[in-house]
Amino acid sequence: MSVQVYGIPSCTTVRKSLKWLDSRNVAYEYTPFAKVPDLATALRTWIDSAGQDRVMNARAATFRALPQPEQERMKSDVDFAIARMVADPRLIKRPVLVAGTTVATGFDEAEWRDAI
């Protein structure tokens, strides 16, 4: 099975997840969000699979710093949320694991074990 991991290289959770995959000898391809050729399309696919609330990082300091009306619009308008996440990938929950048809966000060992 092909395993793809997406994230921000400086994110400690991303680094932890890659170490976890390495320790289990899982072959994967890692791509920083900034290098995803069409991040908007990828986000739509991930949202269709996992749900907007699992892909958008509403707990991030970046999200909490947004004005309340913008936060509310991101929660209710998928197209607006995707545009904002493309403009600032720190608004995407990371890492994103894609294993076959499974999309997992954040790093939860049990969820990742089941996915791979």
PDB file of N, CA and C in Angstrom:
ATOM      1  N   MET A   1       0.846  -1.178   0.000  1.00  0.00           N
ATOM      2  CA  MET A   1       0.000   0.000   0.000  1.00  0.00           C
ATOM      3  C   MET A   1       0.887   1.235   0.000  1.00  0.00           C
ATOM      4  N   SER A   2       0.456   2.234  -0.734  1.00  0.00           N
ATOM      5  CA  SER A   2       1.163   3.504  -0.798  1.00  0.00           C
ATOM      6  C   SER A   2       0.776   4.357   0.405  1.00  0.00           C
ATOM      7  N   VAL A   3       1.783   4.868   1.112  1.00  0.00           N
ATOM      8  CA  VAL A   3       1.534   5.723   2.261  1.00  0.00           C
ATOM      9  C   VAL A   3       2.145   7.093   1.972  1.00  0.00           C
ATOM     10  N   GLN A   4       1.314   8.110   2.076  1.00  0.00           N
ATOM     11  CA  GLN A   4       1.740   9.490   1.861  1.00  0.00           C
ATOM     12  C   GLN A   4       1.562  10.240   3.173  1.00  0.00           C
ATOM     13  N   VAL A   5       2.534  11.077   3.490  1.00  0.00           N
ATOM     14  CA  VAL A   5       2.434  11.922   4.674  1.00  0.00           C
ATOM     15  C   VAL A   5       2.686  13.356   4.231  1.00  0.00           C
ATOM     16  N   TYR A   6       1.844  14.261   4.721  1.00  0.00           N
ATOM     17  CA  TYR A   6       1.957  15.671   4.381  1.00  0.00           C
ATOM     18  C   TYR A   6       2.045  16.473   5.674  1.00  0.00           C
ATOM     19  N   GLY A   7       2.786  17.569   5.619  1.00  0.00           N
ATOM     20  CA  GLY A   7       2.882  18.396   6.810  1.00  0.00           C
ATOM     21  C   GLY A   7       3.797  19.582   6.626  1.00  0.00           C
ATOM     22  N   ILE A   8       4.231  20.106   7.750  1.00  0.00           N
ATOM     23  CA  ILE A   8       5.159  21.226   7.800  1.00  0.00           C
ATOM     24  C   ILE A   8       6.443  20.684   8.425  1.00  0.00           C
ATOM     25  N   PRO A   9       7.574  20.807   7.731  1.00  0.00           N
ATOM     26  CA  PRO A   9       8.824  20.189   8.208  1.00  0.00           C
ATOM     27  C   PRO A   9       9.226  20.564   9.634  1.00  0.00           C
ATOM     28  N   SER A  10       8.922  21.768  10.065  1.00  0.00           N
ATOM     29  CA  SER A  10       9.341  22.198  11.394  1.00  0.00           C
ATOM     30  C   SER A  10       8.390  21.752  12.510  1.00  0.00           C
ATOM     31  N   CYS A  11       7.282  21.140  12.159  1.00  0.00           N
ATOM     32  CA  CYS A  11       6.283  20.714  13.143  1.00  0.00           C
ATOM     33  C   CYS A  11       6.782  19.490  13.917  1.00  0.00           C
ATOM     34  N   THR A  12       6.780  19.576  15.232  1.00  0.00           N
ATOM     35  CA  THR A  12       7.271  18.465  16.051  1.00  0.00           C
ATOM     36  C   THR A  12       6.383  17.225  15.908  1.00  0.00           C
ATOM     37  N   THR A  13       5.102  17.409  15.725  1.00  0.00           N
ATOM     38  CA  THR A  13       4.205  16.259  15.557  1.00  0.00           C
ATOM     39  C   THR A  13       4.477  15.558  14.230  1.00  0.00           C
ATOM     40  N   VAL A  14       4.777  16.310  13.200  1.00  0.00           N
ATOM     41  CA  VAL A  14       5.137  15.714  11.908  1.00  0.00           C
ATOM     42  C   VAL A  14       6.416  14.903  12.073  1.00  0.00           C
ATOM     43  N   ARG A  15       7.421  15.481  12.705  1.00  0.00           N
ATOM     44  CA  ARG A  15       8.691  14.765  12.898  1.00  0.00           C
ATOM     45  C   ARG A  15       8.478  13.502  13.726  1.00  0.00           C
ATOM     46  N   LYS A  16       7.657  13.587  14.759  1.00  0.00           N
ATOM     47  CA  LYS A  16       7.361  12.424  15.602  1.00  0.00           C
ATOM     48  C   LYS A  16       6.690  11.318  14.784  1.00  0.00           C
ATOM     49  N   SER A  17       5.746  11.707  13.925  1.00  0.00           N
ATOM     50  CA  SER A  17       5.031  10.707  13.124  1.00  0.00           C
ATOM     51  C   SER A  17       5.966  10.024  12.119  1.00  0.00           C
ATOM     52  N   LEU A  18       6.880  10.785  11.526  1.00  0.00           N
ATOM     53  CA  LEU A  18       7.828  10.189  10.576  1.00  0.00           C
ATOM     54  C   LEU A  18       8.781   9.237  11.291  1.00  0.00           C
ATOM     55  N   LYS A  19       9.215   9.586  12.490  1.00  0.00           N
ATOM     56  CA  LYS A  19      10.064   8.679  13.283  1.00  0.00           C
ATOM     57  C   LYS A  19       9.302   7.400  13.616  1.00  0.00           C
ATOM     58  N   TRP A  20       8.027   7.544  13.928  1.00  0.00           N
ATOM     59  CA  TRP A  20       7.199   6.383  14.244  1.00  0.00           C
ATOM     60  C   TRP A  20       7.103   5.454  13.026  1.00  0.00           C
ATOM     61  N   LEU A  21       6.873   6.026  11.850  1.00  0.00           N
ATOM     62  CA  LEU A  21       6.823   5.209  10.630  1.00  0.00           C
ATOM     63  C   LEU A  21       8.173   4.538  10.373  1.00  0.00           C
ATOM     64  N   ASP A  22       9.263   5.291  10.529  1.00  0.00           N
ATOM     65  CA  ASP A  22      10.603   4.731  10.333  1.00  0.00           C
ATOM     66  C   ASP A  22      10.858   3.566  11.290  1.00  0.00           C
ATOM     67  N   SER A  23      10.447   3.712  12.543  1.00  0.00           N
ATOM     68  CA  SER A  23      10.702   2.669  13.540  1.00  0.00           C
ATOM     69  C   SER A  23       9.933   1.387  13.229  1.00  0.00           C
ATOM     70  N   ARG A  24       8.904   1.477  12.417  1.00  0.00           N
ATOM     71  CA  ARG A  24       8.110   0.308  12.021  1.00  0.00           C
ATOM     72  C   ARG A  24       8.416  -0.134  10.592  1.00  0.00           C
ATOM     73  N   ASN A  25       9.457   0.470  10.014  1.00  0.00           N
ATOM     74  CA  ASN A  25       9.886   0.134   8.648  1.00  0.00           C
ATOM     75  C   ASN A  25       8.760   0.277   7.627  1.00  0.00           C
ATOM     76  N   VAL A  26       7.949   1.306   7.802  1.00  0.00           N
ATOM     77  CA  VAL A  26       6.864   1.581   6.864  1.00  0.00           C
ATOM     78  C   VAL A  26       7.412   2.509   5.776  1.00  0.00           C
ATOM     79  N   ALA A  27       7.293   2.082   4.543  1.00  0.00           N
ATOM     80  CA  ALA A  27       7.713   2.930   3.422  1.00  0.00           C
ATOM     81  C   ALA A  27       6.667   4.020   3.224  1.00  0.00           C
ATOM     82  N   TYR A  28       7.124   5.236   3.092  1.00  0.00           N
ATOM     83  CA  TYR A  28       6.205   6.360   2.914  1.00  0.00           C
ATOM     84  C   TYR A  28       6.889   7.429   2.078  1.00  0.00           C
ATOM     85  N   GLU A  29       6.066   8.331   1.558  1.00  0.00           N
ATOM     86  CA  GLU A  29       6.569   9.504   0.859  1.00  0.00           C
ATOM     87  C   GLU A  29       6.081  10.716   1.637  1.00  0.00           C
ATOM     88  N   TYR A  30       7.014  11.570   2.025  1.00  0.00           N
ATOM     89  CA  TYR A  30       6.669  12.777   2.771  1.00  0.00           C
ATOM     90  C   TYR A  30       6.727  13.984   1.840  1.00  0.00           C
ATOM     91  N   THR A  31       5.682  14.808   1.888  1.00  0.00           N
ATOM     92  CA  THR A  31       5.628  16.019   1.082  1.00  0.00           C
ATOM     93  C   THR A  31       5.199  17.186   1.965  1.00  0.00           C
ATOM     94  N   PRO A  32       6.018  18.228   2.047  1.00  0.00           N
ATOM     95  CA  PRO A  32       5.579  19.428   2.767  1.00  0.00           C
ATOM     96  C   PRO A  32       4.367  20.048   2.059  1.00  0.00           C
ATOM     97  N   PHE A  33       3.469  20.630   2.830  1.00  0.00           N
ATOM     98  CA  PHE A  33       2.294  21.273   2.234  1.00  0.00           C
ATOM     99  C   PHE A  33       2.699  22.255   1.133  1.00  0.00           C
ATOM    100  N   ALA A  34       3.779  22.976   1.339  1.00  0.00           N
ATOM    101  CA  ALA A  34       4.227  23.984   0.377  1.00  0.00           C
ATOM    102  C   ALA A  34       4.618  23.393  -0.968  1.00  0.00           C
ATOM    103  N   LYS A  35       4.881  22.085  -1.021  1.00  0.00           N
ATOM    104  CA  LYS A  35       5.312  21.453  -2.270  1.00  0.00           C
ATOM    105  C   LYS A  35       4.225  20.603  -2.920  1.00  0.00           C
ATOM    106  N   VAL A  36       3.029  20.601  -2.350  1.00  0.00           N
ATOM    107  CA  VAL A  36       1.910  19.875  -2.954  1.00  0.00           C
ATOM    108  C   VAL A  36       1.489  20.673  -4.190  1.00  0.00           C
ATOM    109  N   PRO A  37       1.536  20.063  -5.384  1.00  0.00           N
ATOM    110  CA  PRO A  37       1.256  20.806  -6.618  1.00  0.00           C
ATOM    111  C   PRO A  37      -0.098  21.520  -6.638  1.00  0.00           C
ATOM    112  N   ASP A  38      -1.139  20.875  -6.164  1.00  0.00           N
ATOM    113  CA  ASP A  38      -2.475  21.486  -6.133  1.00  0.00           C
ATOM    114  C   ASP A  38      -3.059  21.247  -4.750  1.00  0.00           C
ATOM    115  N   LEU A  39      -2.642  22.056  -3.803  1.00  0.00           N
ATOM    116  CA  LEU A  39      -3.050  21.877  -2.410  1.00  0.00           C
ATOM    117  C   LEU A  39      -4.559  22.009  -2.240  1.00  0.00           C
ATOM    118  N   ALA A  40      -5.193  22.882  -2.998  1.00  0.00           N
ATOM    119  CA  ALA A  40      -6.646  23.052  -2.876  1.00  0.00           C
ATOM    120  C   ALA A  40      -7.382  21.761  -3.211  1.00  0.00           C
ATOM    121  N   THR A  41      -6.970  21.094  -4.271  1.00  0.00           N
ATOM    122  CA  THR A  41      -7.604  19.826  -4.651  1.00  0.00           C
ATOM    123  C   THR A  41      -7.325  18.756  -3.607  1.00  0.00           C
ATOM    124  N   ALA A  42      -6.095  18.708  -3.111  1.00  0.00           N
ATOM    125  CA  ALA A  42      -5.754  17.742  -2.064  1.00  0.00           C
ATOM    126  C   ALA A  42      -6.608  17.981  -0.822  1.00  0.00           C
ATOM    127  N   LEU A  43      -6.749  19.236  -0.423  1.00  0.00           N
ATOM    128  CA  LEU A  43      -7.570  19.561   0.749  1.00  0.00           C
ATOM    129  C   LEU A  43      -9.013  19.123   0.558  1.00  0.00           C
ATOM    130  N   ARG A  44      -9.554  19.368  -0.627  1.00  0.00           N
ATOM    131  CA  ARG A  44     -10.942  18.958  -0.884  1.00  0.00           C
ATOM    132  C   ARG A  44     -11.076  17.436  -0.770  1.00  0.00           C
ATOM    133  N   THR A  45     -10.110  16.701  -1.299  1.00  0.00           N
ATOM    134  CA  THR A  45     -10.122  15.229  -1.203  1.00  0.00           C
ATOM    135  C   THR A  45     -10.050  14.794   0.257  1.00  0.00           C
ATOM    136  N   TRP A  46      -9.147  15.410   1.017  1.00  0.00           N
ATOM    137  CA  TRP A  46      -9.004  15.046   2.433  1.00  0.00           C
ATOM    138  C   TRP A  46     -10.273  15.379   3.215  1.00  0.00           C
ATOM    139  N   ILE A  47     -10.868  16.529   2.922  1.00  0.00           N
ATOM    140  CA  ILE A  47     -12.105  16.923   3.607  1.00  0.00           C
ATOM    141  C   ILE A  47     -13.238  15.976   3.237  1.00  0.00           C
ATOM    142  N   ASP A  48     -13.334  15.598   1.957  1.00  0.00           N
ATOM    143  CA  ASP A  48     -14.378  14.662   1.532  1.00  0.00           C
ATOM    144  C   ASP A  48     -14.238  13.323   2.254  1.00  0.00           C
ATOM    145  N   SER A  49     -13.005  12.919   2.538  1.00  0.00           N
ATOM    146  CA  SER A  49     -12.760  11.634   3.195  1.00  0.00           C
ATOM    147  C   SER A  49     -12.864  11.712   4.715  1.00  0.00           C
ATOM    148  N   ALA A  50     -12.198  12.706   5.308  1.00  0.00           N
ATOM    149  CA  ALA A  50     -12.085  12.754   6.769  1.00  0.00           C
ATOM    150  C   ALA A  50     -13.022  13.761   7.429  1.00  0.00           C
ATOM    151  N   GLY A  51     -13.504  14.730   6.677  1.00  0.00           N
ATOM    152  CA  GLY A  51     -14.356  15.765   7.242  1.00  0.00           C
ATOM    153  C   GLY A  51     -13.590  17.056   7.497  1.00  0.00           C
ATOM    154  N   GLN A  52     -14.270  18.156   7.309  1.00  0.00           N
ATOM    155  CA  GLN A  52     -13.643  19.470   7.458  1.00  0.00           C
ATOM    156  C   GLN A  52     -13.105  19.682   8.872  1.00  0.00           C
ATOM    157  N   ASP A  53     -13.852  19.234   9.873  1.00  0.00           N
ATOM    158  CA  ASP A  53     -13.420  19.433  11.256  1.00  0.00           C
ATOM    159  C   ASP A  53     -12.152  18.658  11.591  1.00  0.00           C
ATOM    160  N   ARG A  54     -11.854  17.602  10.838  1.00  0.00           N
ATOM    161  CA  ARG A  54     -10.628  16.821  11.074  1.00  0.00           C
ATOM    162  C   ARG A  54      -9.445  17.391  10.299  1.00  0.00           C
ATOM    163  N   VAL A  55      -9.689  18.131   9.227  1.00  0.00           N
ATOM    164  CA  VAL A  55      -8.607  18.667   8.392  1.00  0.00           C
ATOM    165  C   VAL A  55      -8.226  20.080   8.818  1.00  0.00           C
ATOM    166  N   MET A  56      -9.197  20.882   9.163  1.00  0.00           N
ATOM    167  CA  MET A  56      -8.925  22.258   9.573  1.00  0.00           C
ATOM    168  C   MET A  56      -8.479  22.258  11.036  1.00  0.00           C
ATOM    169  N   ASN A  57      -7.382  22.959  11.310  1.00  0.00           N
ATOM    170  CA  ASN A  57      -6.823  22.982  12.653  1.00  0.00           C
ATOM    171  C   ASN A  57      -7.387  24.162  13.445  1.00  0.00           C
ATOM    172  N   ALA A  58      -8.584  23.986  13.987  1.00  0.00           N
ATOM    173  CA  ALA A  58      -9.252  25.052  14.731  1.00  0.00           C
ATOM    174  C   ALA A  58      -8.624  25.282  16.106  1.00  0.00           C
ATOM    175  N   ARG A  59      -7.716  24.404  16.518  1.00  0.00           N
ATOM    176  CA  ARG A  59      -7.051  24.579  17.810  1.00  0.00           C
ATOM    177  C   ARG A  59      -5.725  25.330  17.673  1.00  0.00           C
ATOM    178  N   ALA A  60      -5.297  25.573  16.451  1.00  0.00           N
ATOM    179  CA  ALA A  60      -4.015  26.244  16.214  1.00  0.00           C
ATOM    180  C   ALA A  60      -4.068  27.705  16.647  1.00  0.00           C
ATOM    181  N   ALA A  61      -2.937  28.193  17.113  1.00  0.00           N
ATOM    182  CA  ALA A  61      -2.832  29.607  17.479  1.00  0.00           C
ATOM    183  C   ALA A  61      -3.142  30.488  16.274  1.00  0.00           C
ATOM    184  N   THR A  62      -2.764  30.032  15.089  1.00  0.00           N
ATOM    185  CA  THR A  62      -3.028  30.785  13.856  1.00  0.00           C
ATOM    186  C   THR A  62      -4.529  30.954  13.651  1.00  0.00           C
ATOM    187  N   PHE A  63      -5.291  29.897  13.901  1.00  0.00           N
ATOM    188  CA  PHE A  63      -6.746  29.960  13.753  1.00  0.00           C
ATOM    189  C   PHE A  63      -7.345  30.859  14.826  1.00  0.00           C
ATOM    190  N   ARG A  64      -6.914  30.683  16.059  1.00  0.00           N
ATOM    191  CA  ARG A  64      -7.466  31.463  17.168  1.00  0.00           C
ATOM    192  C   ARG A  64      -7.159  32.956  17.032  1.00  0.00           C
ATOM    193  N   ALA A  65      -6.096  33.288  16.289  1.00  0.00           N
ATOM    194  CA  ALA A  65      -5.735  34.698  16.085  1.00  0.00           C
ATOM    195  C   ALA A  65      -6.608  35.376  15.031  1.00  0.00           C
ATOM    196  N   LEU A  66      -7.348  34.591  14.266  1.00  0.00           N
ATOM    197  CA  LEU A  66      -8.226  35.166  13.242  1.00  0.00           C
ATOM    198  C   LEU A  66      -9.412  35.864  13.903  1.00  0.00           C
ATOM    199  N   PRO A  67      -9.935  36.899  13.261  1.00  0.00           N
ATOM    200  CA  PRO A  67     -11.152  37.531  13.794  1.00  0.00           C
ATOM    201  C   PRO A  67     -12.291  36.504  13.865  1.00  0.00           C
ATOM    202  N   GLN A  68     -13.138  36.641  14.873  1.00  0.00           N
ATOM    203  CA  GLN A  68     -14.233  35.690  15.092  1.00  0.00           C
ATOM    204  C   GLN A  68     -15.091  35.460  13.846  1.00  0.00           C
ATOM    205  N   PRO A  69     -15.467  36.512  13.092  1.00  0.00           N
ATOM    206  CA  PRO A  69     -16.282  36.265  11.890  1.00  0.00           C
ATOM    207  C   PRO A  69     -15.557  35.374  10.868  1.00  0.00           C
ATOM    208  N   GLU A  70     -14.245  35.538  10.748  1.00  0.00           N
ATOM    209  CA  GLU A  70     -13.491  34.704   9.817  1.00  0.00           C
ATOM    210  C   GLU A  70     -13.436  33.260  10.314  1.00  0.00           C
ATOM    211  N   GLN A  71     -13.262  33.071  11.613  1.00  0.00           N
ATOM    212  CA  GLN A  71     -13.277  31.717  12.184  1.00  0.00           C
ATOM    213  C   GLN A  71     -14.613  31.026  11.888  1.00  0.00           C
ATOM    214  N   GLU A  72     -15.703  31.749  12.127  1.00  0.00           N
ATOM    215  CA  GLU A  72     -17.031  31.184  11.889  1.00  0.00           C
ATOM    216  C   GLU A  72     -17.232  30.851  10.412  1.00  0.00           C
ATOM    217  N   ARG A  73     -16.763  31.728   9.537  1.00  0.00           N
ATOM    218  CA  ARG A  73     -16.915  31.466   8.102  1.00  0.00           C
ATOM    219  C   ARG A  73     -16.100  30.240   7.698  1.00  0.00           C
ATOM    220  N   MET A  74     -14.905  30.086   8.258  1.00  0.00           N
ATOM    221  CA  MET A  74     -14.104  28.903   7.935  1.00  0.00           C
ATOM    222  C   MET A  74     -14.819  27.624   8.354  1.00  0.00           C
ATOM    223  N   LYS A  75     -15.532  27.672   9.455  1.00  0.00           N
ATOM    224  CA  LYS A  75     -16.244  26.493   9.948  1.00  0.00           C
ATOM    225  C   LYS A  75     -17.476  26.164   9.110  1.00  0.00           C
ATOM    226  N   SER A  76     -18.062  27.188   8.472  1.00  0.00           N
ATOM    227  CA  SER A  76     -19.322  26.967   7.762  1.00  0.00           C
ATOM    228  C   SER A  76     -19.195  26.961   6.241  1.00  0.00           C
ATOM    229  N   ASP A  77     -18.095  27.461   5.701  1.00  0.00           N
ATOM    230  CA  ASP A  77     -17.932  27.601   4.254  1.00  0.00           C
ATOM    231  C   ASP A  77     -16.678  26.830   3.817  1.00  0.00           C
ATOM    232  N   VAL A  78     -16.875  25.655   3.266  1.00  0.00           N
ATOM    233  CA  VAL A  78     -15.753  24.789   2.897  1.00  0.00           C
ATOM    234  C   VAL A  78     -14.832  25.465   1.886  1.00  0.00           C
ATOM    235  N   ASP A  79     -15.398  26.110   0.897  1.00  0.00           N
ATOM    236  CA  ASP A  79     -14.562  26.759  -0.124  1.00  0.00           C
ATOM    237  C   ASP A  79     -13.693  27.860   0.489  1.00  0.00           C
ATOM    238  N   PHE A  80     -14.278  28.642   1.395  1.00  0.00           N
ATOM    239  CA  PHE A  80     -13.511  29.686   2.074  1.00  0.00           C
ATOM    240  C   PHE A  80     -12.420  29.061   2.945  1.00  0.00           C
ATOM    241  N   ALA A  81     -12.761  27.998   3.663  1.00  0.00           N
ATOM    242  CA  ALA A  81     -11.775  27.323   4.517  1.00  0.00           C
ATOM    243  C   ALA A  81     -10.611  26.788   3.687  1.00  0.00           C
ATOM    244  N   ILE A  82     -10.910  26.189   2.555  1.00  0.00           N
ATOM    245  CA  ILE A  82      -9.845  25.661   1.688  1.00  0.00           C
ATOM    246  C   ILE A  82      -8.955  26.803   1.209  1.00  0.00           C
ATOM    247  N   ALA A  83      -9.549  27.897   0.784  1.00  0.00           N
ATOM    248  CA  ALA A  83      -8.755  29.047   0.318  1.00  0.00           C
ATOM    249  C   ALA A  83      -7.847  29.567   1.422  1.00  0.00           C
ATOM    250  N   ARG A  84      -8.349  29.639   2.650  1.00  0.00           N
ATOM    251  CA  ARG A  84      -7.539  30.119   3.775  1.00  0.00           C
ATOM    252  C   ARG A  84      -6.431  29.126   4.121  1.00  0.00           C
ATOM    253  N   MET A  85      -6.731  27.818   4.058  1.00  0.00           N
ATOM    254  CA  MET A  85      -5.710  26.807   4.357  1.00  0.00           C
ATOM    255  C   MET A  85      -4.619  26.792   3.292  1.00  0.00           C
ATOM    256  N   VAL A  86      -4.985  27.035   2.041  1.00  0.00           N
ATOM    257  CA  VAL A  86      -3.979  27.124   0.973  1.00  0.00           C
ATOM    258  C   VAL A  86      -3.093  28.346   1.218  1.00  0.00           C
ATOM    259  N   ALA A  87      -3.711  29.455   1.611  1.00  0.00           N
ATOM    260  CA  ALA A  87      -2.960  30.689   1.856  1.00  0.00           C
ATOM    261  C   ALA A  87      -2.055  30.568   3.087  1.00  0.00           C
ATOM    262  N   ASP A  88      -2.488  29.787   4.079  1.00  0.00           N
ATOM    263  CA  ASP A  88      -1.709  29.607   5.304  1.00  0.00           C
ATOM    264  C   ASP A  88      -1.843  28.160   5.782  1.00  0.00           C
ATOM    265  N   PRO A  89      -0.937  27.283   5.332  1.00  0.00           N
ATOM    266  CA  PRO A  89      -1.020  25.861   5.687  1.00  0.00           C
ATOM    267  C   PRO A  89      -0.939  25.568   7.185  1.00  0.00           C
ATOM    268  N   ARG A  90      -0.572  26.554   8.000  1.00  0.00           N
ATOM    269  CA  ARG A  90      -0.594  26.320   9.446  1.00  0.00           C
ATOM    270  C   ARG A  90      -2.016  26.084   9.945  1.00  0.00           C
ATOM    271  N   LEU A  91      -3.004  26.382   9.102  1.00  0.00           N
ATOM    272  CA  LEU A  91      -4.407  26.149   9.452  1.00  0.00           C
ATOM    273  C   LEU A  91      -4.851  24.707   9.172  1.00  0.00           C
ATOM    274  N   ILE A  92      -3.946  23.892   8.633  1.00  0.00           N
ATOM    275  CA  ILE A  92      -4.242  22.484   8.348  1.00  0.00           C
ATOM    276  C   ILE A  92      -3.736  21.647   9.520  1.00  0.00           C
ATOM    277  N   LYS A  93      -4.580  20.747  10.010  1.00  0.00           N
ATOM    278  CA  LYS A  93      -4.146  19.844  11.077  1.00  0.00           C
ATOM    279  C   LYS A  93      -3.075  18.928  10.501  1.00  0.00           C
ATOM    280  N   ARG A  94      -2.015  18.740  11.249  1.00  0.00           N
ATOM    281  CA  ARG A  94      -0.898  17.969  10.721  1.00  0.00           C
ATOM    282  C   ARG A  94      -0.390  16.977  11.740  1.00  0.00           C
ATOM    283  N   PRO A  95       0.215  15.950  11.185  1.00  0.00           N
ATOM    284  CA  PRO A  95       0.375  15.618   9.773  1.00  0.00           C
ATOM    285  C   PRO A  95      -0.917  15.048   9.187  1.00  0.00           C
ATOM    286  N   VAL A  96      -0.914  14.951   7.863  1.00  0.00           N
ATOM    287  CA  VAL A  96      -2.004  14.278   7.158  1.00  0.00           C
ATOM    288  C   VAL A  96      -1.422  12.988   6.608  1.00  0.00           C
ATOM    289  N   LEU A  97      -2.042  11.872   6.946  1.00  0.00           N
ATOM    290  CA  LEU A  97      -1.639  10.549   6.459  1.00  0.00           C
ATOM    291  C   LEU A  97      -2.673  10.088   5.447  1.00  0.00           C
ATOM    292  N   VAL A  98      -2.205   9.687   4.279  1.00  0.00           N
ATOM    293  CA  VAL A  98      -3.087   9.100   3.273  1.00  0.00           C
ATOM    294  C   VAL A  98      -2.553   7.711   2.989  1.00  0.00           C
ATOM    295  N   ALA A  99      -3.354   6.713   3.336  1.00  0.00           N
ATOM    296  CA  ALA A  99      -2.979   5.316   3.133  1.00  0.00           C
ATOM    297  C   ALA A  99      -4.138   4.636   2.416  1.00  0.00           C
ATOM    298  N   GLY A 100      -3.963   4.424   1.119  1.00  0.00           N
ATOM    299  CA  GLY A 100      -5.061   3.890   0.323  1.00  0.00           C
ATOM    300  C   GLY A 100      -6.189   4.912   0.292  1.00  0.00           C
ATOM    301  N   THR A 101      -7.369   4.518   0.773  1.00  0.00           N
ATOM    302  CA  THR A 101      -8.510   5.429   0.791  1.00  0.00           C
ATOM    303  C   THR A 101      -8.701   6.091   2.157  1.00  0.00           C
ATOM    304  N   THR A 102      -7.818   5.768   3.104  1.00  0.00           N
ATOM    305  CA  THR A 102      -7.920   6.313   4.453  1.00  0.00           C
ATOM    306  C   THR A 102      -7.147   7.625   4.571  1.00  0.00           C
ATOM    307  N   VAL A 103      -7.785   8.615   5.164  1.00  0.00           N
ATOM    308  CA  VAL A 103      -7.129   9.891   5.459  1.00  0.00           C
ATOM    309  C   VAL A 103      -7.215  10.090   6.967  1.00  0.00           C
ATOM    310  N   ALA A 104      -6.050  10.251   7.591  1.00  0.00           N
ATOM    311  CA  ALA A 104      -5.992  10.511   9.032  1.00  0.00           C
ATOM    312  C   ALA A 104      -5.241  11.811   9.251  1.00  0.00           C
ATOM    313  N   THR A 105      -5.725  12.629  10.177  1.00  0.00           N
ATOM    314  CA  THR A 105      -5.057  13.886  10.468  1.00  0.00           C
ATOM    315  C   THR A 105      -4.626  13.885  11.922  1.00  0.00           C
ATOM    316  N   GLY A 106      -3.547  14.629  12.184  1.00  0.00           N
ATOM    317  CA  GLY A 106      -2.967  14.573  13.512  1.00  0.00           C
ATOM    318  C   GLY A 106      -2.234  13.249  13.641  1.00  0.00           C
ATOM    319  N   PHE A 107      -1.596  13.028  14.757  1.00  0.00           N
ATOM    320  CA  PHE A 107      -0.875  11.767  14.930  1.00  0.00           C
ATOM    321  C   PHE A 107      -1.445  11.022  16.116  1.00  0.00           C
ATOM    322  N   ASP A 108      -2.162   9.948  15.803  1.00  0.00           N
ATOM    323  CA  ASP A 108      -2.713   9.044  16.801  1.00  0.00           C
ATOM    324  C   ASP A 108      -2.210   7.653  16.426  1.00  0.00           C
ATOM    325  N   GLU A 109      -1.350   7.082  17.274  1.00  0.00           N
ATOM    326  CA  GLU A 109      -0.710   5.802  16.933  1.00  0.00           C
ATOM    327  C   GLU A 109      -1.719   4.726  16.565  1.00  0.00           C
ATOM    328  N   ALA A 110      -2.771   4.586  17.336  1.00  0.00           N
ATOM    329  CA  ALA A 110      -3.761   3.544  17.054  1.00  0.00           C
ATOM    330  C   ALA A 110      -4.427   3.770  15.702  1.00  0.00           C
ATOM    331  N   GLU A 111      -4.792   5.006  15.414  1.00  0.00           N
ATOM    332  CA  GLU A 111      -5.427   5.317  14.135  1.00  0.00           C
ATOM    333  C   GLU A 111      -4.468   5.044  12.980  1.00  0.00           C
ATOM    334  N   TRP A 112      -3.202   5.452  13.146  1.00  0.00           N
ATOM    335  CA  TRP A 112      -2.218   5.222  12.097  1.00  0.00           C
ATOM    336  C   TRP A 112      -1.933   3.728  11.930  1.00  0.00           C
ATOM    337  N   ARG A 113      -1.865   3.001  13.025  1.00  0.00           N
ATOM    338  CA  ARG A 113      -1.615   1.550  12.945  1.00  0.00           C
ATOM    339  C   ARG A 113      -2.728   0.886  12.139  1.00  0.00           C
ATOM    340  N   ASP A 114      -3.974   1.285  12.402  1.00  0.00           N
ATOM    341  CA  ASP A 114      -5.113   0.731  11.667  1.00  0.00           C
ATOM    342  C   ASP A 114      -5.075   1.123  10.193  1.00  0.00           C
ATOM    343  N   ALA A 115      -4.602   2.333   9.921  1.00  0.00           N
ATOM    344  CA  ALA A 115      -4.594   2.844   8.541  1.00  0.00           C
ATOM    345  C   ALA A 115      -3.536   2.179   7.669  1.00  0.00           C
ATOM    346  N   ILE A 116      -2.395   1.851   8.267  1.00  0.00           N
ATOM    347  CA  ILE A 116      -1.326   1.272   7.462  1.00  0.00           C
ATOM    348  C   ILE A 116      -1.344  -0.230   7.558  1.00  0.00           C
TER     349      ILE A 116
END
